[in-house]
Amino acid sequence: MPYDLLNAKGSSAIPMTPFDDSDRIEEDVLAKEIEFIVRCGSTSITTPVMVSEFESLCESERKLMIKIPCDVAKGRLAIIANVAATCMPQAVEYAGYACECGADAVIAMPPAGTSFEYIKKYFKAISDAVNVPVMIQNHSGAGSMLAPAQVIQLCEEIENVSWVKEECMPGPVSISALMAVKTDALVGVMSGFGSQYAPLDFARGAIASIHACEWSDLVQQVWDLFFMGKEDEGRKLHYQILPSLQLEGMLGMRYAKEVMIRRGVFNNSNMRRASRNLSADDIKEIDKIFEIVSPHLKFAKM
């Protein structure tokens, strides 16, 4: 039975794709990364999306980034599989494969440069291919950005489309605009931006944040405090760990992979997407970040 996304509160962690020196996915490291996310207490995994460099992955690699998380997680948390593609047939194939692997939901960005009529057909095709919730990834920097009325229309007109990852700038404000429309067709909203705006996202109605996984245990603790009614404590912890989340926004996934090396998961910080190497000053700042957040880590190292 699929994991109910309404129980996936807090951290929806995105695995980075681990590449060896021959540019192949390190399957054993990926499996260890998924176990790391489970151990951190995250309530769902979203894979493979932009953090995973999914646009640089071939078809078989994208499927691997769905299959291994499903196999390793074994129902201990929800798996939200990315099925976005440039055309309907490819998205439908990914959606069917995700369900075969046991994914609990699928997510897709609307294709870039297309009309809203095509977007409706695209999500209808994905919905028809699955028996799990379909989440719209509404991003202001990629795909086709949708207005709140368009998002709601997709939810109301297409059977399985019922969730949104809302990350159109300004993120929390966009969440408010969605939540202002009272409709049972929109079951839930998750946020993005690396959980940097968690207090605002929670206050405006999001139940989770989809973010890179290196600080999953920290993010989950913040959201847990919110859901326990301890907002002041949650905000205090959030502001303590915020520099660690902000540094990711500045340094990118090279930073996230460096953190994962230090946490005993990754062997290297190899990437396919263009990314500058970390400087000596960057490394010093990461050292300081670890000093700040170490008291709050659920565990030091895998």
C-alpha atoms as a PDB file:
ATOM      1  CA  MET A   1       0.000   0.000   0.000  1.00  0.00           C
ATOM      2  CA  PRO A   2       1.478   3.417  -0.935  1.00  0.00           C
ATOM      3  CA  TYR A   3       2.805   5.621   1.870  1.00  0.00           C
ATOM      4  CA  ASP A   4       0.331   8.424   2.571  1.00  0.00           C
ATOM      5  CA  LEU A   5       2.022  11.726   1.740  1.00  0.00           C
ATOM      6  CA  LEU A   6      -0.002  13.421   4.474  1.00  0.00           C
ATOM      7  CA  ASN A   7       2.288  11.528   6.870  1.00  0.00           C
ATOM      8  CA  ALA A   8       5.405  12.740   5.030  1.00  0.00           C
ATOM      9  CA  LYS A   9       5.875  15.827   7.201  1.00  0.00           C
ATOM     10  CA  GLY A  10       9.110  17.749   7.414  1.00  0.00           C
ATOM     11  CA  SER A  11      12.129  16.694   5.397  1.00  0.00           C
ATOM     12  CA  SER A  12      11.671  15.356   1.872  1.00  0.00           C
ATOM     13  CA  ALA A  13      15.320  14.700   1.106  1.00  0.00           C
ATOM     14  CA  ILE A  14      16.809  14.722  -2.382  1.00  0.00           C
ATOM     15  CA  PRO A  15      19.739  12.377  -3.000  1.00  0.00           C
ATOM     16  CA  MET A  16      22.662  13.780  -4.963  1.00  0.00           C
ATOM     17  CA  THR A  17      23.923  11.467  -7.701  1.00  0.00           C
ATOM     18  CA  PRO A  18      27.289   9.941  -6.723  1.00  0.00           C
ATOM     19  CA  PHE A  19      29.655   9.570  -9.688  1.00  0.00           C
ATOM     20  CA  ASP A  20      32.919   7.636  -9.726  1.00  0.00           C
ATOM     21  CA  ASP A  21      36.050   8.853 -11.529  1.00  0.00           C
ATOM     22  CA  SER A  22      34.825   7.159 -14.721  1.00  0.00           C
ATOM     23  CA  ASP A  23      31.562   9.164 -14.608  1.00  0.00           C
ATOM     24  CA  ARG A  24      29.432   6.158 -13.644  1.00  0.00           C
ATOM     25  CA  ILE A  25      26.880   6.131 -10.824  1.00  0.00           C
ATOM     26  CA  GLU A  26      28.308   4.494  -7.703  1.00  0.00           C
ATOM     27  CA  GLU A  27      25.388   2.222  -6.844  1.00  0.00           C
ATOM     28  CA  ASP A  28      26.753   1.183  -3.458  1.00  0.00           C
ATOM     29  CA  VAL A  29      27.241   4.838  -2.474  1.00  0.00           C
ATOM     30  CA  LEU A  30      23.723   5.691  -3.648  1.00  0.00           C
ATOM     31  CA  ALA A  31      22.339   2.873  -1.488  1.00  0.00           C
ATOM     32  CA  LYS A  32      24.349   4.205   1.466  1.00  0.00           C
ATOM     33  CA  GLU A  33      23.003   7.695   0.784  1.00  0.00           C
ATOM     34  CA  ILE A  34      19.414   6.426   0.937  1.00  0.00           C
ATOM     35  CA  GLU A  35      20.148   4.643   4.222  1.00  0.00           C
ATOM     36  CA  PHE A  36      21.659   7.911   5.494  1.00  0.00           C
ATOM     37  CA  ILE A  37      18.410   9.753   4.676  1.00  0.00           C
ATOM     38  CA  VAL A  38      16.348   7.103   6.463  1.00  0.00           C
ATOM     39  CA  ARG A  39      18.624   7.281   9.491  1.00  0.00           C
ATOM     40  CA  CYS A  40      18.277  11.091   9.521  1.00  0.00           C
ATOM     41  CA  GLY A  41      14.545  10.657  10.100  1.00  0.00           C
ATOM     42  CA  SER A  42      13.321  12.189   6.847  1.00  0.00           C
ATOM     43  CA  THR A  43       9.758  11.244   5.998  1.00  0.00           C
ATOM     44  CA  SER A  44      10.171  11.118   2.229  1.00  0.00           C
ATOM     45  CA  ILE A  45      12.705  11.069  -0.588  1.00  0.00           C
ATOM     46  CA  THR A  46      12.271  12.984  -3.838  1.00  0.00           C
ATOM     47  CA  THR A  47      14.395  11.585  -6.666  1.00  0.00           C
ATOM     48  CA  PRO A  48      15.983  12.375  -9.100  1.00  0.00           C
ATOM     49  CA  VAL A  49      15.432  16.127  -9.390  1.00  0.00           C
ATOM     50  CA  MET A  50      17.667  19.175  -9.982  1.00  0.00           C
ATOM     51  CA  VAL A  51      19.817  18.489  -6.914  1.00  0.00           C
ATOM     52  CA  SER A  52      20.427  15.045  -8.444  1.00  0.00           C
ATOM     53  CA  GLU A  53      21.586  16.630 -11.744  1.00  0.00           C
ATOM     54  CA  PHE A  54      18.736  14.699 -13.355  1.00  0.00           C
ATOM     55  CA  GLU A  55      18.953  16.594 -16.637  1.00  0.00           C
ATOM     56  CA  SER A  56      22.449  15.160 -17.148  1.00  0.00           C
ATOM     57  CA  LEU A  57      21.338  11.565 -16.527  1.00  0.00           C
ATOM     58  CA  CYS A  58      20.569   9.129 -19.332  1.00  0.00           C
ATOM     59  CA  GLU A  59      17.310   7.164 -19.260  1.00  0.00           C
ATOM     60  CA  SER A  60      18.773   4.090 -17.553  1.00  0.00           C
ATOM     61  CA  GLU A  61      20.477   6.266 -14.928  1.00  0.00           C
ATOM     62  CA  ARG A  62      17.265   8.113 -14.163  1.00  0.00           C
ATOM     63  CA  LYS A  63      15.533   4.795 -13.641  1.00  0.00           C
ATOM     64  CA  LEU A  64      18.369   3.650 -11.385  1.00  0.00           C
ATOM     65  CA  MET A  65      17.871   6.776  -9.279  1.00  0.00           C
ATOM     66  CA  ILE A  66      14.285   5.622  -8.704  1.00  0.00           C
ATOM     67  CA  LYS A  67      14.836   1.881  -8.311  1.00  0.00           C
ATOM     68  CA  ILE A  68      17.636   1.936  -5.731  1.00  0.00           C
ATOM     69  CA  PRO A  69      15.826   4.357  -3.373  1.00  0.00           C
ATOM     70  CA  CYS A  70      12.675   2.221  -3.571  1.00  0.00           C
ATOM     71  CA  ASP A  71      14.644  -0.988  -2.961  1.00  0.00           C
ATOM     72  CA  VAL A  72      16.641   0.412  -0.040  1.00  0.00           C
ATOM     73  CA  ALA A  73      13.845   2.355   1.652  1.00  0.00           C
ATOM     74  CA  LYS A  74      11.488  -0.643   1.640  1.00  0.00           C
ATOM     75  CA  GLY A  75       8.479   1.395   2.731  1.00  0.00           C
ATOM     76  CA  ARG A  76      10.190   3.083   5.677  1.00  0.00           C
ATOM     77  CA  LEU A  77       9.446   6.486   4.140  1.00  0.00           C
ATOM     78  CA  ALA A  78       7.690   7.770   1.036  1.00  0.00           C
ATOM     79  CA  ILE A  79       9.396   7.808  -2.357  1.00  0.00           C
ATOM     80  CA  ILE A  80       8.382  10.641  -4.688  1.00  0.00           C
ATOM     81  CA  ALA A  81       9.749   9.838  -8.151  1.00  0.00           C
ATOM     82  CA  ASN A  82      10.517  12.516 -10.705  1.00  0.00           C
ATOM     83  CA  VAL A  83       8.967  11.681 -14.084  1.00  0.00           C
ATOM     84  CA  ALA A  84       9.460  15.041 -15.823  1.00  0.00           C
ATOM     85  CA  ALA A  85      10.331  14.822 -19.504  1.00  0.00           C
ATOM     86  CA  THR A  86      10.254  16.970 -22.599  1.00  0.00           C
ATOM     87  CA  CYS A  87       7.338  15.019 -24.051  1.00  0.00           C
ATOM     88  CA  MET A  88       4.309  13.057 -22.842  1.00  0.00           C
ATOM     89  CA  PRO A  89       5.400   9.560 -24.006  1.00  0.00           C
ATOM     90  CA  GLN A  90       8.682   9.760 -22.076  1.00  0.00           C
ATOM     91  CA  ALA A  91       6.998  11.130 -18.954  1.00  0.00           C
ATOM     92  CA  VAL A  92       4.392   8.347 -19.127  1.00  0.00           C
ATOM     93  CA  GLU A  93       7.144   5.719 -19.417  1.00  0.00           C
ATOM     94  CA  TYR A  94       8.965   7.109 -16.375  1.00  0.00           C
ATOM     95  CA  ALA A  95       5.675   7.232 -14.443  1.00  0.00           C
ATOM     96  CA  GLY A  96       4.854   3.614 -15.204  1.00  0.00           C
ATOM     97  CA  TYR A  97       8.359   2.531 -14.237  1.00  0.00           C
ATOM     98  CA  ALA A  98       8.195   4.465 -10.955  1.00  0.00           C
ATOM     99  CA  CYS A  99       4.986   2.657 -10.011  1.00  0.00           C
ATOM    100  CA  GLU A 100       6.538  -0.706 -10.906  1.00  0.00           C
ATOM    101  CA  CYS A 101       9.391   0.091  -8.525  1.00  0.00           C
ATOM    102  CA  GLY A 102       6.949   0.964  -5.738  1.00  0.00           C
ATOM    103  CA  ALA A 103       7.074   4.764  -5.702  1.00  0.00           C
ATOM    104  CA  ASP A 104       4.423   6.348  -3.489  1.00  0.00           C
ATOM    105  CA  ALA A 105       3.949   9.441  -5.661  1.00  0.00           C
ATOM    106  CA  VAL A 106       5.361  11.041  -8.787  1.00  0.00           C
ATOM    107  CA  ILE A 107       6.422  14.620  -9.435  1.00  0.00           C
ATOM    108  CA  ALA A 108       6.939  16.554 -12.647  1.00  0.00           C
ATOM    109  CA  MET A 109       7.716  20.068 -13.804  1.00  0.00           C
ATOM    110  CA  PRO A 110       5.587  21.339 -16.678  1.00  0.00           C
ATOM    111  CA  PRO A 111       7.709  21.223 -19.851  1.00  0.00           C
ATOM    112  CA  ALA A 112       9.345  24.524 -20.780  1.00  0.00           C
ATOM    113  CA  GLY A 113       8.132  26.499 -23.778  1.00  0.00           C
ATOM    114  CA  THR A 114       4.741  24.851 -24.075  1.00  0.00           C
ATOM    115  CA  SER A 115       1.166  26.089 -23.864  1.00  0.00           C
ATOM    116  CA  PHE A 116      -1.090  25.546 -20.880  1.00  0.00           C
ATOM    117  CA  GLU A 117      -3.267  23.306 -23.066  1.00  0.00           C
ATOM    118  CA  TYR A 118      -0.273  21.049 -23.658  1.00  0.00           C
ATOM    119  CA  ILE A 119       0.587  21.110 -19.955  1.00  0.00           C
ATOM    120  CA  LYS A 120      -2.928  19.899 -19.130  1.00  0.00           C
ATOM    121  CA  LYS A 121      -2.580  17.006 -21.585  1.00  0.00           C
ATOM    122  CA  TYR A 122       0.871  16.240 -20.192  1.00  0.00           C
ATOM    123  CA  PHE A 123      -0.326  15.920 -16.595  1.00  0.00           C
ATOM    124  CA  LYS A 124      -3.441  14.028 -17.688  1.00  0.00           C
ATOM    125  CA  ALA A 125      -1.214  11.481 -19.439  1.00  0.00           C
ATOM    126  CA  ILE A 126       0.946  11.088 -16.332  1.00  0.00           C
ATOM    127  CA  SER A 127      -2.134  10.753 -14.131  1.00  0.00           C
ATOM    128  CA  ASP A 128      -3.622   8.084 -16.386  1.00  0.00           C
ATOM    129  CA  ALA A 129      -0.406   6.064 -16.112  1.00  0.00           C
ATOM    130  CA  VAL A 130      -0.329   5.859 -12.302  1.00  0.00           C
ATOM    131  CA  ASN A 131      -2.452   4.998  -9.290  1.00  0.00           C
ATOM    132  CA  VAL A 132      -0.568   7.280  -6.889  1.00  0.00           C
ATOM    133  CA  PRO A 133      -0.648  11.050  -6.255  1.00  0.00           C
ATOM    134  CA  VAL A 134       0.850  13.329  -8.887  1.00  0.00           C
ATOM    135  CA  MET A 135       2.753  16.389  -7.641  1.00  0.00           C
ATOM    136  CA  ILE A 136       3.322  19.500  -9.745  1.00  0.00           C
ATOM    137  CA  GLN A 137       6.773  21.026  -9.347  1.00  0.00           C
ATOM    138  CA  ASN A 138       6.057  24.707  -9.896  1.00  0.00           C
ATOM    139  CA  HIS A 139       9.423  26.425 -10.279  1.00  0.00           C
ATOM    140  CA  SER A 140      10.093  30.001 -11.325  1.00  0.00           C
ATOM    141  CA  GLY A 141      13.537  29.178 -12.738  1.00  0.00           C
ATOM    142  CA  ALA A 142      12.825  26.043 -14.779  1.00  0.00           C
ATOM    143  CA  GLY A 143      10.019  24.417 -16.717  1.00  0.00           C
ATOM    144  CA  SER A 144       6.912  26.535 -17.292  1.00  0.00           C
ATOM    145  CA  MET A 145       5.903  28.586 -14.265  1.00  0.00           C
ATOM    146  CA  LEU A 146       2.204  28.258 -13.483  1.00  0.00           C
ATOM    147  CA  ALA A 147      -0.054  30.862 -11.918  1.00  0.00           C
ATOM    148  CA  PRO A 148      -1.957  29.768  -8.773  1.00  0.00           C
ATOM    149  CA  ALA A 149      -5.225  29.558 -10.762  1.00  0.00           C
ATOM    150  CA  GLN A 150      -3.582  27.218 -13.279  1.00  0.00           C
ATOM    151  CA  VAL A 151      -2.205  24.970 -10.545  1.00  0.00           C
ATOM    152  CA  ILE A 152      -5.634  24.731  -8.937  1.00  0.00           C
ATOM    153  CA  GLN A 153      -7.250  24.037 -12.319  1.00  0.00           C
ATOM    154  CA  LEU A 154      -4.923  21.076 -12.908  1.00  0.00           C
ATOM    155  CA  CYS A 155      -5.740  19.708  -9.445  1.00  0.00           C
ATOM    156  CA  GLU A 156      -9.480  20.097  -9.947  1.00  0.00           C
ATOM    157  CA  GLU A 157      -9.638  18.710 -13.482  1.00  0.00           C
ATOM    158  CA  ILE A 158      -7.135  15.810 -13.373  1.00  0.00           C
ATOM    159  CA  GLU A 159      -7.857  12.895 -11.067  1.00  0.00           C
ATOM    160  CA  ASN A 160      -4.498  12.122  -9.424  1.00  0.00           C
ATOM    161  CA  VAL A 161      -2.992  15.610  -9.569  1.00  0.00           C
ATOM    162  CA  SER A 162      -3.351  16.682  -5.962  1.00  0.00           C
ATOM    163  CA  TRP A 163      -0.007  17.911  -4.610  1.00  0.00           C
ATOM    164  CA  VAL A 164       2.283  20.842  -5.389  1.00  0.00           C
ATOM    165  CA  LYS A 165       5.921  21.588  -4.734  1.00  0.00           C
ATOM    166  CA  GLU A 166       5.617  25.359  -4.750  1.00  0.00           C
ATOM    167  CA  GLU A 167       8.892  27.159  -5.353  1.00  0.00           C
ATOM    168  CA  CYS A 168       8.001  30.173  -7.429  1.00  0.00           C
ATOM    169  CA  MET A 169       9.591  33.308  -6.070  1.00  0.00           C
ATOM    170  CA  PRO A 170       8.817  34.607  -3.552  1.00  0.00           C
ATOM    171  CA  GLY A 171       8.236  31.064  -2.269  1.00  0.00           C
ATOM    172  CA  PRO A 172       6.239  31.552   0.947  1.00  0.00           C
ATOM    173  CA  VAL A 173       4.073  34.198  -0.715  1.00  0.00           C
ATOM    174  CA  SER A 174       3.288  31.772  -3.540  1.00  0.00           C
ATOM    175  CA  ILE A 175       2.273  29.163  -0.978  1.00  0.00           C
ATOM    176  CA  SER A 176      -0.126  31.663   0.587  1.00  0.00           C
ATOM    177  CA  ALA A 177      -1.678  32.339  -2.819  1.00  0.00           C
ATOM    178  CA  LEU A 178      -2.315  28.638  -3.349  1.00  0.00           C
ATOM    179  CA  MET A 179      -3.676  28.030   0.131  1.00  0.00           C
ATOM    180  CA  ALA A 180      -6.049  30.992  -0.227  1.00  0.00           C
ATOM    181  CA  VAL A 181      -8.044  28.923  -2.724  1.00  0.00           C
ATOM    182  CA  LYS A 182     -10.188  26.554  -0.703  1.00  0.00           C
ATOM    183  CA  THR A 183     -10.495  23.308  -2.641  1.00  0.00           C
ATOM    184  CA  ASP A 184     -10.370  19.654  -1.645  1.00  0.00           C
ATOM    185  CA  ALA A 185      -8.592  18.939  -4.931  1.00  0.00           C
ATOM    186  CA  LEU A 186      -5.333  20.328  -3.522  1.00  0.00           C
ATOM    187  CA  VAL A 187      -4.394  17.818  -0.845  1.00  0.00           C
ATOM    188  CA  GLY A 188      -1.039  19.230   0.175  1.00  0.00           C
ATOM    189  CA  VAL A 189       1.864  21.575  -0.532  1.00  0.00           C
ATOM    190  CA  MET A 190       5.596  21.090  -0.084  1.00  0.00           C
ATOM    191  CA  SER A 191       8.151  23.871  -0.377  1.00  0.00           C
ATOM    192  CA  GLY A 192      11.622  24.184  -1.874  1.00  0.00           C
ATOM    193  CA  PHE A 193      14.556  26.610  -1.629  1.00  0.00           C
ATOM    194  CA  GLY A 194      16.566  24.198   0.501  1.00  0.00           C
ATOM    195  CA  SER A 195      14.197  24.662   3.469  1.00  0.00           C
ATOM    196  CA  GLN A 196      15.678  28.134   4.027  1.00  0.00           C
ATOM    197  CA  TYR A 197      12.189  29.557   4.610  1.00  0.00           C
ATOM    198  CA  ALA A 198      10.866  26.714   6.760  1.00  0.00           C
ATOM    199  CA  PRO A 199       9.179  28.907   9.425  1.00  0.00           C
ATOM    200  CA  LEU A 200       7.350  30.928   6.761  1.00  0.00           C
ATOM    201  CA  ASP A 201       6.498  27.841   4.694  1.00  0.00           C
ATOM    202  CA  PHE A 202       5.022  26.063   7.705  1.00  0.00           C
ATOM    203  CA  ALA A 203       3.055  29.118   8.821  1.00  0.00           C
ATOM    204  CA  ARG A 204       1.525  29.438   5.358  1.00  0.00           C
ATOM    205  CA  GLY A 205       0.460  25.815   5.045  1.00  0.00           C
ATOM    206  CA  ALA A 206       3.297  23.676   3.664  1.00  0.00           C
ATOM    207  CA  ILE A 207       3.771  20.311   5.385  1.00  0.00           C
ATOM    208  CA  ALA A 208       7.315  19.608   4.193  1.00  0.00           C
ATOM    209  CA  SER A 209      10.289  20.982   2.333  1.00  0.00           C
ATOM    210  CA  ILE A 210      11.982  19.180  -0.552  1.00  0.00           C
ATOM    211  CA  HIS A 211      15.711  19.836  -0.166  1.00  0.00           C
ATOM    212  CA  ALA A 212      19.195  18.409  -0.736  1.00  0.00           C
ATOM    213  CA  CYS A 213      19.856  15.665   1.767  1.00  0.00           C
ATOM    214  CA  GLU A 214      23.168  16.589   3.447  1.00  0.00           C
ATOM    215  CA  TRP A 215      21.488  18.189   6.500  1.00  0.00           C
ATOM    216  CA  SER A 216      18.312  16.057   6.522  1.00  0.00           C
ATOM    217  CA  ASP A 217      18.449  15.396  10.250  1.00  0.00           C
ATOM    218  CA  LEU A 218      18.656  19.120  11.019  1.00  0.00           C
ATOM    219  CA  VAL A 219      15.775  20.001   8.707  1.00  0.00           C
ATOM    220  CA  GLN A 220      13.570  17.238  10.100  1.00  0.00           C
ATOM    221  CA  GLN A 221      14.165  18.373  13.675  1.00  0.00           C
ATOM    222  CA  VAL A 222      13.025  21.907  12.828  1.00  0.00           C
ATOM    223  CA  TRP A 223       9.813  20.717  11.210  1.00  0.00           C
ATOM    224  CA  ASP A 224       9.175  18.235  14.038  1.00  0.00           C
ATOM    225  CA  LEU A 225       9.228  21.115  16.516  1.00  0.00           C
ATOM    226  CA  PHE A 226       6.755  23.057  14.375  1.00  0.00           C
ATOM    227  CA  PHE A 227       4.343  20.130  14.235  1.00  0.00           C
ATOM    228  CA  MET A 228       4.663  19.603  18.000  1.00  0.00           C
ATOM    229  CA  GLY A 229       3.453  23.162  18.521  1.00  0.00           C
ATOM    230  CA  LYS A 230       6.901  24.346  19.636  1.00  0.00           C
ATOM    231  CA  GLU A 231       7.268  27.133  17.084  1.00  0.00           C
ATOM    232  CA  ASP A 232       9.629  29.261  19.157  1.00  0.00           C
ATOM    233  CA  GLU A 233      12.005  26.323  19.628  1.00  0.00           C
ATOM    234  CA  GLY A 234      11.696  25.428  15.959  1.00  0.00           C
ATOM    235  CA  ARG A 235      12.534  28.961  14.889  1.00  0.00           C
ATOM    236  CA  LYS A 236      15.495  29.104  17.264  1.00  0.00           C
ATOM    237  CA  LEU A 237      16.935  25.882  15.847  1.00  0.00           C
ATOM    238  CA  HIS A 238      16.202  26.987  12.287  1.00  0.00           C
ATOM    239  CA  TYR A 239      18.096  30.249  12.735  1.00  0.00           C
ATOM    240  CA  GLN A 240      21.032  28.344  14.239  1.00  0.00           C
ATOM    241  CA  ILE A 241      21.318  26.011  11.249  1.00  0.00           C
ATOM    242  CA  LEU A 242      20.339  28.576   8.591  1.00  0.00           C
ATOM    243  CA  PRO A 243      23.959  29.371   7.564  1.00  0.00           C
ATOM    244  CA  SER A 244      24.426  25.713   6.630  1.00  0.00           C
ATOM    245  CA  LEU A 245      21.400  25.914   4.322  1.00  0.00           C
ATOM    246  CA  GLN A 246      22.355  29.295   2.880  1.00  0.00           C
ATOM    247  CA  LEU A 247      25.883  28.156   2.043  1.00  0.00           C
ATOM    248  CA  GLU A 248      24.425  25.477  -0.220  1.00  0.00           C
ATOM    249  CA  GLY A 249      22.631  28.192  -2.153  1.00  0.00           C
ATOM    250  CA  MET A 250      25.941  29.985  -2.719  1.00  0.00           C
ATOM    251  CA  LEU A 251      28.273  27.041  -3.349  1.00  0.00           C
ATOM    252  CA  GLY A 252      25.849  24.562  -4.911  1.00  0.00           C
ATOM    253  CA  MET A 253      25.991  20.787  -4.949  1.00  0.00           C
ATOM    254  CA  ARG A 254      29.784  20.714  -4.716  1.00  0.00           C
ATOM    255  CA  TYR A 255      29.252  21.954  -1.152  1.00  0.00           C
ATOM    256  CA  ALA A 256      26.511  19.402  -0.496  1.00  0.00           C
ATOM    257  CA  LYS A 257      28.724  16.566  -1.693  1.00  0.00           C
ATOM    258  CA  GLU A 258      31.635  17.817   0.437  1.00  0.00           C
ATOM    259  CA  VAL A 259      29.338  17.660   3.473  1.00  0.00           C
ATOM    260  CA  MET A 260      28.368  14.115   2.503  1.00  0.00           C
ATOM    261  CA  ILE A 261      32.045  13.141   2.319  1.00  0.00           C
ATOM    262  CA  ARG A 262      32.539  14.450   5.838  1.00  0.00           C
ATOM    263  CA  ARG A 263      29.449  12.586   7.031  1.00  0.00           C
ATOM    264  CA  GLY A 264      30.897   9.303   5.765  1.00  0.00           C
ATOM    265  CA  VAL A 265      28.612   8.756   2.777  1.00  0.00           C
ATOM    266  CA  PHE A 266      30.323  10.030  -0.399  1.00  0.00           C
ATOM    267  CA  ASN A 267      33.817   9.233  -1.670  1.00  0.00           C
ATOM    268  CA  ASN A 268      34.214  12.361  -3.798  1.00  0.00           C
ATOM    269  CA  SER A 269      32.417  15.480  -5.008  1.00  0.00           C
ATOM    270  CA  ASN A 270      32.400  14.600  -8.718  1.00  0.00           C
ATOM    271  CA  MET A 271      29.736  16.380 -10.758  1.00  0.00           C
ATOM    272  CA  ARG A 272      28.539  16.473 -14.344  1.00  0.00           C
ATOM    273  CA  ARG A 273      27.058  19.935 -14.230  1.00  0.00           C
ATOM    274  CA  ALA A 274      29.499  22.829 -14.427  1.00  0.00           C
ATOM    275  CA  SER A 275      30.501  23.748 -10.889  1.00  0.00           C
ATOM    276  CA  ARG A 276      33.610  25.474  -9.589  1.00  0.00           C
ATOM    277  CA  ASN A 277      35.800  23.609  -7.171  1.00  0.00           C
ATOM    278  CA  LEU A 278      35.671  24.664  -3.537  1.00  0.00           C
ATOM    279  CA  SER A 279      38.362  27.134  -2.517  1.00  0.00           C
ATOM    280  CA  ALA A 280      40.422  27.125   0.664  1.00  0.00           C
ATOM    281  CA  ASP A 281      38.133  29.857   2.001  1.00  0.00           C
ATOM    282  CA  ASP A 282      35.089  27.700   1.191  1.00  0.00           C
ATOM    283  CA  ILE A 283      36.585  24.772   3.097  1.00  0.00           C
ATOM    284  CA  LYS A 284      37.287  26.993   6.126  1.00  0.00           C
ATOM    285  CA  GLU A 285      33.668  28.139   6.106  1.00  0.00           C
ATOM    286  CA  ILE A 286      32.446  24.528   5.935  1.00  0.00           C
ATOM    287  CA  ASP A 287      34.672  23.765   8.942  1.00  0.00           C
ATOM    288  CA  LYS A 288      32.919  26.568  10.841  1.00  0.00           C
ATOM    289  CA  ILE A 289      29.503  25.329   9.752  1.00  0.00           C
ATOM    290  CA  PHE A 290      30.254  21.902  11.218  1.00  0.00           C
ATOM    291  CA  GLU A 291      31.284  23.486  14.510  1.00  0.00           C
ATOM    292  CA  ILE A 292      27.945  25.301  14.686  1.00  0.00           C
ATOM    293  CA  VAL A 293      25.639  22.439  13.736  1.00  0.00           C
ATOM    294  CA  SER A 294      27.480  19.473  15.287  1.00  0.00           C
ATOM    295  CA  PRO A 295      25.549  19.637  18.605  1.00  0.00           C
ATOM    296  CA  HIS A 296      22.321  19.219  16.646  1.00  0.00           C
ATOM    297  CA  LEU A 297      23.321  16.375  14.301  1.00  0.00           C
ATOM    298  CA  LYS A 298      21.425  13.142  14.881  1.00  0.00           C
ATOM    299  CA  PHE A 299      24.687  11.261  14.309  1.00  0.00           C
ATOM    300  CA  ALA A 300      28.195  12.405  13.423  1.00  0.00           C
ATOM    301  CA  LYS A 301      29.134   9.981  10.672  1.00  0.00           C
ATOM    302  CA  MET A 302      27.830   6.903   8.885  1.00  0.00           C
END
